[in-house]
PDB file of N, CA and C in Angstrom:
ATOM      1  N   MET A   1      46.896  36.098 -34.490  1.00  0.00           N
ATOM      2  CA  MET A   1      47.890  37.084 -34.127  1.00  0.00           C
ATOM      3  C   MET A   1      47.199  38.440 -33.961  1.00  0.00           C
ATOM      4  N   PHE A   2      47.558  39.141 -32.926  1.00  0.00           N
ATOM      5  CA  PHE A   2      46.969  40.441 -32.593  1.00  0.00           C
ATOM      6  C   PHE A   2      47.958  41.545 -32.950  1.00  0.00           C
ATOM      7  N   VAL A   3      47.529  42.493 -33.786  1.00  0.00           N
ATOM      8  CA  VAL A   3      48.395  43.592 -34.204  1.00  0.00           C
ATOM      9  C   VAL A   3      47.847  44.896 -33.633  1.00  0.00           C
ATOM     10  N   VAL A   4      48.704  45.651 -32.969  1.00  0.00           N
ATOM     11  CA  VAL A   4      48.309  46.947 -32.418  1.00  0.00           C
ATOM     12  C   VAL A   4      48.668  48.023 -33.429  1.00  0.00           C
ATOM     13  N   ILE A   5      47.663  48.820 -33.795  1.00  0.00           N
ATOM     14  CA  ILE A   5      47.883  49.907 -34.744  1.00  0.00           C
ATOM     15  C   ILE A   5      48.031  51.200 -33.960  1.00  0.00           C
ATOM     16  N   ASN A   6      49.135  51.896 -34.182  1.00  0.00           N
ATOM     17  CA  ASN A   6      49.416  53.149 -33.488  1.00  0.00           C
ATOM     18  C   ASN A   6      49.532  54.307 -34.474  1.00  0.00           C
ATOM     19  N   CYS A   7      49.131  55.474 -34.027  1.00  0.00           N
ATOM     20  CA  CYS A   7      49.365  56.719 -34.756  1.00  0.00           C
ATOM     21  C   CYS A   7      50.432  57.501 -34.008  1.00  0.00           C
ATOM     22  N   SER A   8      51.155  58.312 -34.724  1.00  0.00           N
ATOM     23  CA  SER A   8      52.207  59.120 -34.108  1.00  0.00           C
ATOM     24  C   SER A   8      51.606  60.149 -33.150  1.00  0.00           C
ATOM     25  N   ALA A   9      52.454  60.728 -32.331  1.00  0.00           N
ATOM     26  CA  ALA A   9      52.022  61.757 -31.384  1.00  0.00           C
ATOM     27  C   ALA A   9      51.546  62.996 -32.138  1.00  0.00           C
ATOM     28  N   LEU A  10      50.516  63.639 -31.607  1.00  0.00           N
ATOM     29  CA  LEU A  10      50.052  64.905 -32.176  1.00  0.00           C
ATOM     30  C   LEU A  10      50.757  66.053 -31.470  1.00  0.00           C
ATOM     31  N   ALA A  11      51.233  67.003 -32.246  1.00  0.00           N
ATOM     32  CA  ALA A  11      51.837  68.209 -31.656  1.00  0.00           C
ATOM     33  C   ALA A  11      50.715  69.212 -31.412  1.00  0.00           C
ATOM     34  N   PRO A  12      50.725  69.886 -30.264  1.00  0.00           N
ATOM     35  CA  PRO A  12      49.677  70.873 -30.017  1.00  0.00           C
ATOM     36  C   PRO A  12      49.748  72.003 -31.046  1.00  0.00           C
ATOM     37  N   PRO A  13      48.620  72.336 -31.655  1.00  0.00           N
ATOM     38  CA  PRO A  13      48.606  73.441 -32.619  1.00  0.00           C
ATOM     39  C   PRO A  13      48.896  74.778 -31.947  1.00  0.00           C
ATOM     40  N   LEU A  14      49.136  75.804 -32.734  1.00  0.00           N
ATOM     41  CA  LEU A  14      49.441  77.141 -32.242  1.00  0.00           C
ATOM     42  C   LEU A  14      48.367  77.632 -31.280  1.00  0.00           C
ATOM     43  N   ASN A  15      48.746  77.961 -30.062  1.00  0.00           N
ATOM     44  CA  ASN A  15      47.877  78.479 -29.002  1.00  0.00           C
ATOM     45  C   ASN A  15      46.752  77.529 -28.609  1.00  0.00           C
ATOM     46  N   ALA A  16      46.856  76.253 -28.978  1.00  0.00           N
ATOM     47  CA  ALA A  16      45.811  75.278 -28.686  1.00  0.00           C
ATOM     48  C   ALA A  16      46.328  74.193 -27.757  1.00  0.00           C
ATOM     49  N   ALA A  17      45.394  73.386 -27.257  1.00  0.00           N
ATOM     50  CA  ALA A  17      45.721  72.244 -26.416  1.00  0.00           C
ATOM     51  C   ALA A  17      44.989  71.023 -26.971  1.00  0.00           C
ATOM     52  N   VAL A  18      45.427  69.824 -26.541  1.00  0.00           N
ATOM     53  CA  VAL A  18      44.868  68.571 -27.021  1.00  0.00           C
ATOM     54  C   VAL A  18      44.315  67.790 -25.831  1.00  0.00           C
ATOM     55  N   SER A  19      43.163  67.159 -26.048  1.00  0.00           N
ATOM     56  CA  SER A  19      42.559  66.333 -25.010  1.00  0.00           C
ATOM     57  C   SER A  19      42.139  64.999 -25.622  1.00  0.00           C
ATOM     58  N   PRO A  20      42.438  63.890 -24.965  1.00  0.00           N
ATOM     59  CA  PRO A  20      43.186  63.752 -23.722  1.00  0.00           C
ATOM     60  C   PRO A  20      44.683  63.946 -23.953  1.00  0.00           C
ATOM     61  N   SER A  21      45.396  64.147 -22.877  1.00  0.00           N
ATOM     62  CA  SER A  21      46.834  64.425 -22.975  1.00  0.00           C
ATOM     63  C   SER A  21      47.612  63.238 -23.550  1.00  0.00           C
ATOM     64  N   SER A  22      47.035  62.043 -23.514  1.00  0.00           N
ATOM     65  CA  SER A  22      47.711  60.873 -24.085  1.00  0.00           C
ATOM     66  C   SER A  22      47.917  61.022 -25.594  1.00  0.00           C
ATOM     67  N   CYS A  23      47.186  61.920 -26.229  1.00  0.00           N
ATOM     68  CA  CYS A  23      47.342  62.165 -27.665  1.00  0.00           C
ATOM     69  C   CYS A  23      48.694  62.809 -27.976  1.00  0.00           C
ATOM     70  N   LEU A  24      49.340  63.348 -26.954  1.00  0.00           N
ATOM     71  CA  LEU A  24      50.654  63.962 -27.136  1.00  0.00           C
ATOM     72  C   LEU A  24      51.756  62.912 -27.207  1.00  0.00           C
ATOM     73  N   SER A  25      51.379  61.661 -26.913  1.00  0.00           N
ATOM     74  CA  SER A  25      52.302  60.546 -27.108  1.00  0.00           C
ATOM     75  C   SER A  25      51.654  59.644 -28.155  1.00  0.00           C
ATOM     76  N   ARG A  26      51.972  58.418 -28.175  1.00  0.00           N
ATOM     77  CA  ARG A  26      51.416  57.512 -29.187  1.00  0.00           C
ATOM     78  C   ARG A  26      49.955  57.183 -28.867  1.00  0.00           C
ATOM     79  N   SER A  27      49.106  57.130 -29.904  1.00  0.00           N
ATOM     80  CA  SER A  27      47.697  56.780 -29.745  1.00  0.00           C
ATOM     81  C   SER A  27      47.387  55.516 -30.537  1.00  0.00           C
ATOM     82  N   THR A  28      46.411  54.753 -30.077  1.00  0.00           N
ATOM     83  CA  THR A  28      46.038  53.516 -30.760  1.00  0.00           C
ATOM     84  C   THR A  28      44.820  53.734 -31.651  1.00  0.00           C
ATOM     85  N   TYR A  29      44.606  52.774 -32.544  1.00  0.00           N
ATOM     86  CA  TYR A  29      43.492  52.811 -33.494  1.00  0.00           C
ATOM     87  C   TYR A  29      42.181  53.136 -32.773  1.00  0.00           C
ATOM     88  N   GLY A  30      41.426  54.083 -33.330  1.00  0.00           N
ATOM     89  CA  GLY A  30      40.133  54.458 -32.775  1.00  0.00           C
ATOM     90  C   GLY A  30      40.168  55.609 -31.791  1.00  0.00           C
ATOM     91  N   GLN A  31      41.348  55.988 -31.307  1.00  0.00           N
ATOM     92  CA  GLN A  31      41.487  57.091 -30.342  1.00  0.00           C
ATOM     93  C   GLN A  31      41.055  58.402 -30.994  1.00  0.00           C
ATOM     94  N   THR A  32      40.189  59.162 -30.319  1.00  0.00           N
ATOM     95  CA  THR A  32      39.788  60.488 -30.784  1.00  0.00           C
ATOM     96  C   THR A  32      40.498  61.533 -29.950  1.00  0.00           C
ATOM     97  N   CYS A  33      41.125  62.479 -30.615  1.00  0.00           N
ATOM     98  CA  CYS A  33      41.825  63.573 -29.953  1.00  0.00           C
ATOM     99  C   CYS A  33      41.137  64.879 -30.337  1.00  0.00           C
ATOM    100  N   ARG A  34      40.805  65.676 -29.345  1.00  0.00           N
ATOM    101  CA  ARG A  34      40.097  66.934 -29.579  1.00  0.00           C
ATOM    102  C   ARG A  34      41.002  68.115 -29.246  1.00  0.00           C
ATOM    103  N   PHE A  35      40.859  69.167 -30.024  1.00  0.00           N
ATOM    104  CA  PHE A  35      41.625  70.386 -29.815  1.00  0.00           C
ATOM    105  C   PHE A  35      40.724  71.441 -29.183  1.00  0.00           C
ATOM    106  N   TYR A  36      41.308  72.278 -28.343  1.00  0.00           N
ATOM    107  CA  TYR A  36      40.558  73.381 -27.739  1.00  0.00           C
ATOM    108  C   TYR A  36      41.498  74.531 -27.446  1.00  0.00           C
ATOM    109  N   CYS A  37      40.906  75.696 -27.213  1.00  0.00           N
ATOM    110  CA  CYS A  37      41.678  76.904 -26.918  1.00  0.00           C
ATOM    111  C   CYS A  37      41.615  77.175 -25.416  1.00  0.00           C
ATOM    112  N   PRO A  38      42.717  76.989 -24.700  1.00  0.00           N
ATOM    113  CA  PRO A  38      42.701  77.182 -23.253  1.00  0.00           C
ATOM    114  C   PRO A  38      42.744  78.644 -22.813  1.00  0.00           C
ATOM    115  N   LYS A  39      43.116  79.542 -23.714  1.00  0.00           N
ATOM    116  CA  LYS A  39      43.234  80.959 -23.360  1.00  0.00           C
ATOM    117  C   LYS A  39      41.954  81.708 -23.694  1.00  0.00           C
ATOM    118  N   ALA A  40      41.515  82.552 -22.777  1.00  0.00           N
ATOM    119  CA  ALA A  40      40.329  83.379 -23.009  1.00  0.00           C
ATOM    120  C   ALA A  40      40.577  84.297 -24.204  1.00  0.00           C
ATOM    121  N   GLY A  41      39.538  84.503 -25.009  1.00  0.00           N
ATOM    122  CA  GLY A  41      39.653  85.398 -26.144  1.00  0.00           C
ATOM    123  C   GLY A  41      40.172  84.743 -27.410  1.00  0.00           C
ATOM    124  N   TYR A  42      40.384  83.421 -27.398  1.00  0.00           N
ATOM    125  CA  TYR A  42      40.860  82.704 -28.571  1.00  0.00           C
ATOM    126  C   TYR A  42      39.756  81.804 -29.124  1.00  0.00           C
ATOM    127  N   VAL A  43      39.723  81.668 -30.440  1.00  0.00           N
ATOM    128  CA  VAL A  43      38.713  80.864 -31.115  1.00  0.00           C
ATOM    129  C   VAL A  43      39.412  79.783 -31.935  1.00  0.00           C
ATOM    130  N   LEU A  44      38.918  78.543 -31.820  1.00  0.00           N
ATOM    131  CA  LEU A  44      39.479  77.423 -32.567  1.00  0.00           C
ATOM    132  C   LEU A  44      39.120  77.539 -34.045  1.00  0.00           C
ATOM    133  N   GLN A  45      40.114  77.373 -34.888  1.00  0.00           N
ATOM    134  CA  GLN A  45      39.901  77.370 -36.335  1.00  0.00           C
ATOM    135  C   GLN A  45      40.525  76.107 -36.905  1.00  0.00           C
ATOM    136  N   GLY A  46      39.887  75.545 -37.914  1.00  0.00           N
ATOM    137  CA  GLY A  46      40.395  74.325 -38.539  1.00  0.00           C
ATOM    138  C   GLY A  46      39.750  73.090 -37.945  1.00  0.00           C
ATOM    139  N   THR A  47      40.450  71.973 -38.057  1.00  0.00           N
ATOM    140  CA  THR A  47      39.948  70.684 -37.604  1.00  0.00           C
ATOM    141  C   THR A  47      39.874  70.641 -36.083  1.00  0.00           C
ATOM    142  N   SER A  48      38.696  70.293 -35.543  1.00  0.00           N
ATOM    143  CA  SER A  48      38.511  70.293 -34.088  1.00  0.00           C
ATOM    144  C   SER A  48      38.817  68.948 -33.438  1.00  0.00           C
ATOM    145  N   ALA A  49      38.812  67.869 -34.225  1.00  0.00           N
ATOM    146  CA  ALA A  49      39.111  66.534 -33.688  1.00  0.00           C
ATOM    147  C   ALA A  49      39.728  65.677 -34.783  1.00  0.00           C
ATOM    148  N   ARG A  50      40.581  64.748 -34.356  1.00  0.00           N
ATOM    149  CA  ARG A  50      41.202  63.802 -35.288  1.00  0.00           C
ATOM    150  C   ARG A  50      41.120  62.415 -34.668  1.00  0.00           C
ATOM    151  N   VAL A  51      40.989  61.406 -35.522  1.00  0.00           N
ATOM    152  CA  VAL A  51      40.842  60.020 -35.077  1.00  0.00           C
ATOM    153  C   VAL A  51      41.977  59.198 -35.657  1.00  0.00           C
ATOM    154  N   CYS A  52      42.561  58.349 -34.826  1.00  0.00           N
ATOM    155  CA  CYS A  52      43.623  57.444 -35.272  1.00  0.00           C
ATOM    156  C   CYS A  52      42.983  56.342 -36.113  1.00  0.00           C
ATOM    157  N   GLY A  53      43.373  56.249 -37.382  1.00  0.00           N
ATOM    158  CA  GLY A  53      42.763  55.309 -38.315  1.00  0.00           C
ATOM    159  C   GLY A  53      43.414  53.939 -38.326  1.00  0.00           C
ATOM    160  N   ASN A  54      42.746  52.993 -39.010  1.00  0.00           N
ATOM    161  CA  ASN A  54      43.263  51.624 -39.070  1.00  0.00           C
ATOM    162  C   ASN A  54      44.512  51.501 -39.934  1.00  0.00           C
ATOM    163  N   ASP A  55      44.897  52.603 -40.587  1.00  0.00           N
ATOM    164  CA  ASP A  55      46.131  52.620 -41.373  1.00  0.00           C
ATOM    165  C   ASP A  55      47.288  53.290 -40.629  1.00  0.00           C
ATOM    166  N   GLY A  56      47.037  53.674 -39.358  1.00  0.00           N
ATOM    167  CA  GLY A  56      48.077  54.323 -38.560  1.00  0.00           C
ATOM    168  C   GLY A  56      48.218  55.807 -38.849  1.00  0.00           C
ATOM    169  N   GLU A  57      47.269  56.365 -39.594  1.00  0.00           N
ATOM    170  CA  GLU A  57      47.286  57.788 -39.935  1.00  0.00           C
ATOM    171  C   GLU A  57      46.122  58.496 -39.247  1.00  0.00           C
ATOM    172  N   TRP A  58      46.303  59.783 -38.970  1.00  0.00           N
ATOM    173  CA  TRP A  58      45.257  60.595 -38.347  1.00  0.00           C
ATOM    174  C   TRP A  58      44.267  61.075 -39.404  1.00  0.00           C
ATOM    175  N   SER A  59      42.984  61.098 -39.044  1.00  0.00           N
ATOM    176  CA  SER A  59      41.970  61.655 -39.937  1.00  0.00           C
ATOM    177  C   SER A  59      42.067  63.178 -39.907  1.00  0.00           C
ATOM    178  N   GLY A  60      41.408  63.826 -40.855  1.00  0.00           N
ATOM    179  CA  GLY A  60      41.361  65.285 -40.858  1.00  0.00           C
ATOM    180  C   GLY A  60      42.655  65.919 -41.317  1.00  0.00           C
ATOM    181  N   ALA A  61      42.635  67.234 -41.295  1.00  0.00           N
ATOM    182  CA  ALA A  61      43.793  68.014 -41.743  1.00  0.00           C
ATOM    183  C   ALA A  61      44.575  68.554 -40.563  1.00  0.00           C
ATOM    184  N   ASN A  62      45.844  68.826 -40.783  1.00  0.00           N
ATOM    185  CA  ASN A  62      46.709  69.410 -39.768  1.00  0.00           C
ATOM    186  C   ASN A  62      46.653  70.936 -39.923  1.00  0.00           C
ATOM    187  N   ASP A  63      45.447  71.498 -39.761  1.00  0.00           N
ATOM    188  CA  ASP A  63      45.231  72.925 -40.018  1.00  0.00           C
ATOM    189  C   ASP A  63      44.663  73.681 -38.807  1.00  0.00           C
ATOM    190  N   THR A  64      44.757  73.082 -37.642  1.00  0.00           N
ATOM    191  CA  THR A  64      44.138  73.639 -36.441  1.00  0.00           C
ATOM    192  C   THR A  64      44.996  74.712 -35.790  1.00  0.00           C
ATOM    193  N   LEU A  65      44.343  75.773 -35.332  1.00  0.00           N
ATOM    194  CA  LEU A  65      45.012  76.792 -34.525  1.00  0.00           C
ATOM    195  C   LEU A  65      43.959  77.555 -33.728  1.00  0.00           C
ATOM    196  N   CYS A  66      44.410  78.233 -32.698  1.00  0.00           N
ATOM    197  CA  CYS A  66      43.551  79.112 -31.908  1.00  0.00           C
ATOM    198  C   CYS A  66      43.967  80.540 -32.237  1.00  0.00           C
ATOM    199  N   LYS A  67      43.014  81.290 -32.716  1.00  0.00           N
ATOM    200  CA  LYS A  67      43.288  82.655 -33.136  1.00  0.00           C
ATOM    201  C   LYS A  67      42.631  83.625 -32.171  1.00  0.00           C
ATOM    202  N   GLY A  68      43.364  84.673 -31.789  1.00  0.00           N
ATOM    203  CA  GLY A  68      42.825  85.699 -30.904  1.00  0.00           C
ATOM    204  C   GLY A  68      41.623  86.372 -31.533  1.00  0.00           C
ATOM    205  N   ASN A  69      40.600  86.600 -30.727  1.00  0.00           N
ATOM    206  CA  ASN A  69      39.373  87.204 -31.227  1.00  0.00           C
ATOM    207  C   ASN A  69      39.024  88.410 -30.360  1.00  0.00           C
ATOM    208  N   LEU A  70      39.947  89.349 -30.266  1.00  0.00           N
ATOM    209  CA  LEU A  70      39.723  90.556 -29.472  1.00  0.00           C
ATOM    210  C   LEU A  70      39.238  91.677 -30.379  1.00  0.00           C
ATOM    211  N   VAL A  71      38.218  92.373 -29.936  1.00  0.00           N
ATOM    212  CA  VAL A  71      37.647  93.472 -30.702  1.00  0.00           C
ATOM    213  C   VAL A  71      37.783  94.745 -29.883  1.00  0.00           C
ATOM    214  N   LYS A  72      38.233  95.813 -30.517  1.00  0.00           N
ATOM    215  CA  LYS A  72      38.400  97.088 -29.817  1.00  0.00           C
ATOM    216  C   LYS A  72      37.046  97.717 -29.504  1.00  0.00           C
ATOM    217  N   HIS A  73      36.895  98.131 -28.285  1.00  0.00           N
ATOM    218  CA  HIS A  73      35.709  98.854 -27.837  1.00  0.00           C
ATOM    219  C   HIS A  73      35.867 100.313 -28.258  1.00  0.00           C
ATOM    220  N   PRO A  74      34.770 101.018 -28.562  1.00  0.00           N
ATOM    221  CA  PRO A  74      34.887 102.421 -28.974  1.00  0.00           C
ATOM    222  C   PRO A  74      35.643 103.300 -27.977  1.00  0.00           C
ATOM    223  N   LEU A  75      35.650 102.918 -26.700  1.00  0.00           N
ATOM    224  CA  LEU A  75      36.366 103.701 -25.692  1.00  0.00           C
ATOM    225  C   LEU A  75      37.803 103.223 -25.504  1.00  0.00           C
ATOM    226  N   GLY A  76      38.250 102.329 -26.389  1.00  0.00           N
ATOM    227  CA  GLY A  76      39.628 101.853 -26.314  1.00  0.00           C
ATOM    228  C   GLY A  76      39.804 100.607 -25.472  1.00  0.00           C
ATOM    229  N   LEU A  77      38.722 100.052 -24.932  1.00  0.00           N
ATOM    230  CA  LEU A  77      38.797  98.835 -24.134  1.00  0.00           C
ATOM    231  C   LEU A  77      38.698  97.629 -25.047  1.00  0.00           C
ATOM    232  N   ALA A  78      39.315  96.550 -24.666  1.00  0.00           N
ATOM    233  CA  ALA A  78      39.234  95.324 -25.460  1.00  0.00           C
ATOM    234  C   ALA A  78      38.161  94.426 -24.870  1.00  0.00           C
ATOM    235  N   LYS A  79      37.351  93.821 -25.735  1.00  0.00           N
ATOM    236  CA  LYS A  79      36.327  92.868 -25.317  1.00  0.00           C
ATOM    237  C   LYS A  79      36.637  91.530 -25.959  1.00  0.00           C
ATOM    238  N   SER A  80      36.404  90.459 -25.223  1.00  0.00           N
ATOM    239  CA  SER A  80      36.601  89.125 -25.757  1.00  0.00           C
ATOM    240  C   SER A  80      35.253  88.520 -26.097  1.00  0.00           C
ATOM    241  N   PHE A  81      35.198  87.819 -27.200  1.00  0.00           N
ATOM    242  CA  PHE A  81      34.013  87.085 -27.591  1.00  0.00           C
ATOM    243  C   PHE A  81      34.385  85.623 -27.605  1.00  0.00           C
ATOM    244  N   PHE A  82      33.535  84.768 -27.023  1.00  0.00           N
ATOM    245  CA  PHE A  82      33.815  83.344 -26.943  1.00  0.00           C
ATOM    246  C   PHE A  82      32.856  82.604 -27.864  1.00  0.00           C
ATOM    247  N   ILE A  83      33.422  81.737 -28.681  1.00  0.00           N
ATOM    248  CA  ILE A  83      32.624  80.922 -29.570  1.00  0.00           C
ATOM    249  C   ILE A  83      33.037  79.480 -29.333  1.00  0.00           C
ATOM    250  N   CYS A  84      32.080  78.639 -28.974  1.00  0.00           N
ATOM    251  CA  CYS A  84      32.380  77.227 -28.724  1.00  0.00           C
ATOM    252  C   CYS A  84      31.826  76.411 -29.883  1.00  0.00           C
ATOM    253  N   THR A  85      32.655  75.535 -30.428  1.00  0.00           N
ATOM    254  CA  THR A  85      32.202  74.631 -31.481  1.00  0.00           C
ATOM    255  C   THR A  85      32.597  73.226 -31.114  1.00  0.00           C
ATOM    256  N   PHE A  86      31.751  72.306 -31.393  1.00  0.00           N
ATOM    257  CA  PHE A  86      32.037  70.892 -31.141  1.00  0.00           C
ATOM    258  C   PHE A  86      31.725  70.080 -32.347  1.00  0.00           C
TER     259      PHE A  86
END
Protein backbone atom coordinates (compact mmCIF):
# COMPACT_ATOMS: atom_id res chain seq x y z
CA MET A 1 0.00 0.00 0.00
CA PHE A 2 1.30 3.44 -0.96
CA VAL A 3 0.66 6.33 1.45
CA VAL A 4 1.11 9.95 0.37
CA ILE A 5 2.33 12.23 3.14
CA ASN A 6 1.24 15.85 2.81
CA CYS A 7 2.07 19.01 4.74
CA SER A 8 -0.36 21.88 5.03
CA ALA A 9 -0.05 25.00 2.89
CA LEU A 10 2.52 27.57 3.98
CA ALA A 11 1.29 31.13 4.41
CA PRO A 12 3.67 33.75 3.01
CA PRO A 13 5.48 35.50 5.87
CA LEU A 14 5.27 39.27 6.37
CA ASN A 15 6.63 41.05 3.26
CA ALA A 16 8.05 37.73 1.99
CA ALA A 17 7.33 35.30 -0.82
CA VAL A 18 7.59 31.50 -1.10
CA SER A 19 9.21 29.45 -3.85
CA PRO A 20 7.99 27.34 -5.51
CA SER A 21 4.45 28.68 -5.53
CA SER A 22 3.11 25.14 -5.02
CA CYS A 23 4.13 25.54 -1.36
CA LEU A 24 1.15 27.87 -0.99
CA SER A 25 -1.06 24.82 -1.44
CA ARG A 26 -0.47 21.30 -0.17
CA SER A 27 3.10 19.94 -0.36
CA THR A 28 4.27 16.32 -0.29
CA TYR A 29 6.97 14.67 1.82
CA GLY A 30 10.45 15.93 0.92
CA GLN A 31 9.29 19.20 -0.69
CA THR A 32 11.60 22.13 0.14
CA CYS A 33 10.05 25.59 0.27
CA ARG A 34 12.28 28.66 0.30
CA PHE A 35 11.42 32.16 1.46
CA TYR A 36 12.74 35.35 -0.12
CA CYS A 37 12.16 39.09 -0.04
CA PRO A 38 10.76 40.32 -3.37
CA LYS A 39 10.91 44.02 -2.44
CA ALA A 40 14.13 46.01 -2.75
CA GLY A 41 15.53 47.16 0.58
CA TYR A 42 14.17 44.20 2.58
CA VAL A 43 16.26 41.55 4.34
CA LEU A 44 15.09 38.03 5.18
CA GLN A 45 15.13 37.20 8.88
CA GLY A 46 14.38 33.85 10.49
CA THR A 47 14.07 30.48 8.79
CA SER A 48 14.97 30.67 5.08
CA ALA A 49 13.68 27.22 4.04
CA ARG A 50 11.35 24.54 5.38
CA VAL A 51 11.02 20.89 4.37
CA CYS A 52 7.87 18.76 4.48
CA GLY A 53 8.71 15.90 6.87
CA ASN A 54 7.67 12.26 6.94
CA ASP A 55 5.33 13.12 9.82
CA GLY A 56 3.38 15.67 7.74
CA GLU A 57 4.93 18.59 9.64
CA TRP A 58 7.21 21.36 8.34
CA SER A 59 10.80 21.55 9.57
CA GLY A 60 12.14 24.76 11.09
CA ALA A 61 10.35 27.55 12.87
CA ASN A 62 7.50 29.75 11.69
CA ASP A 63 9.59 32.87 12.40
CA THR A 64 10.35 34.19 8.91
CA LEU A 65 9.81 37.79 7.82
CA CYS A 66 11.33 40.39 5.52
CA LYS A 67 12.35 43.50 7.37
CA GLY A 68 13.07 46.86 5.74
CA ASN A 69 16.74 47.74 5.81
CA LEU A 70 16.77 51.41 4.83
CA VAL A 71 19.46 53.65 6.28
CA LYS A 72 19.25 57.44 6.26
CA HIS A 73 21.94 59.19 4.27
CA PRO A 74 23.51 62.26 5.95
CA LEU A 75 21.89 64.44 3.26
CA GLY A 76 18.45 62.99 4.00
CA LEU A 77 18.47 60.44 1.17
CA ALA A 78 17.59 56.83 1.82
CA LYS A 79 19.98 54.07 0.74
CA SER A 80 19.11 50.40 0.46
CA PHE A 81 21.51 47.65 1.43
CA PHE A 82 20.97 44.16 0.03
CA ILE A 83 22.03 41.07 1.90
CA CYS A 84 21.52 37.66 0.31
CA THR A 85 21.58 34.52 2.43
CA PHE A 86 21.04 30.96 1.34
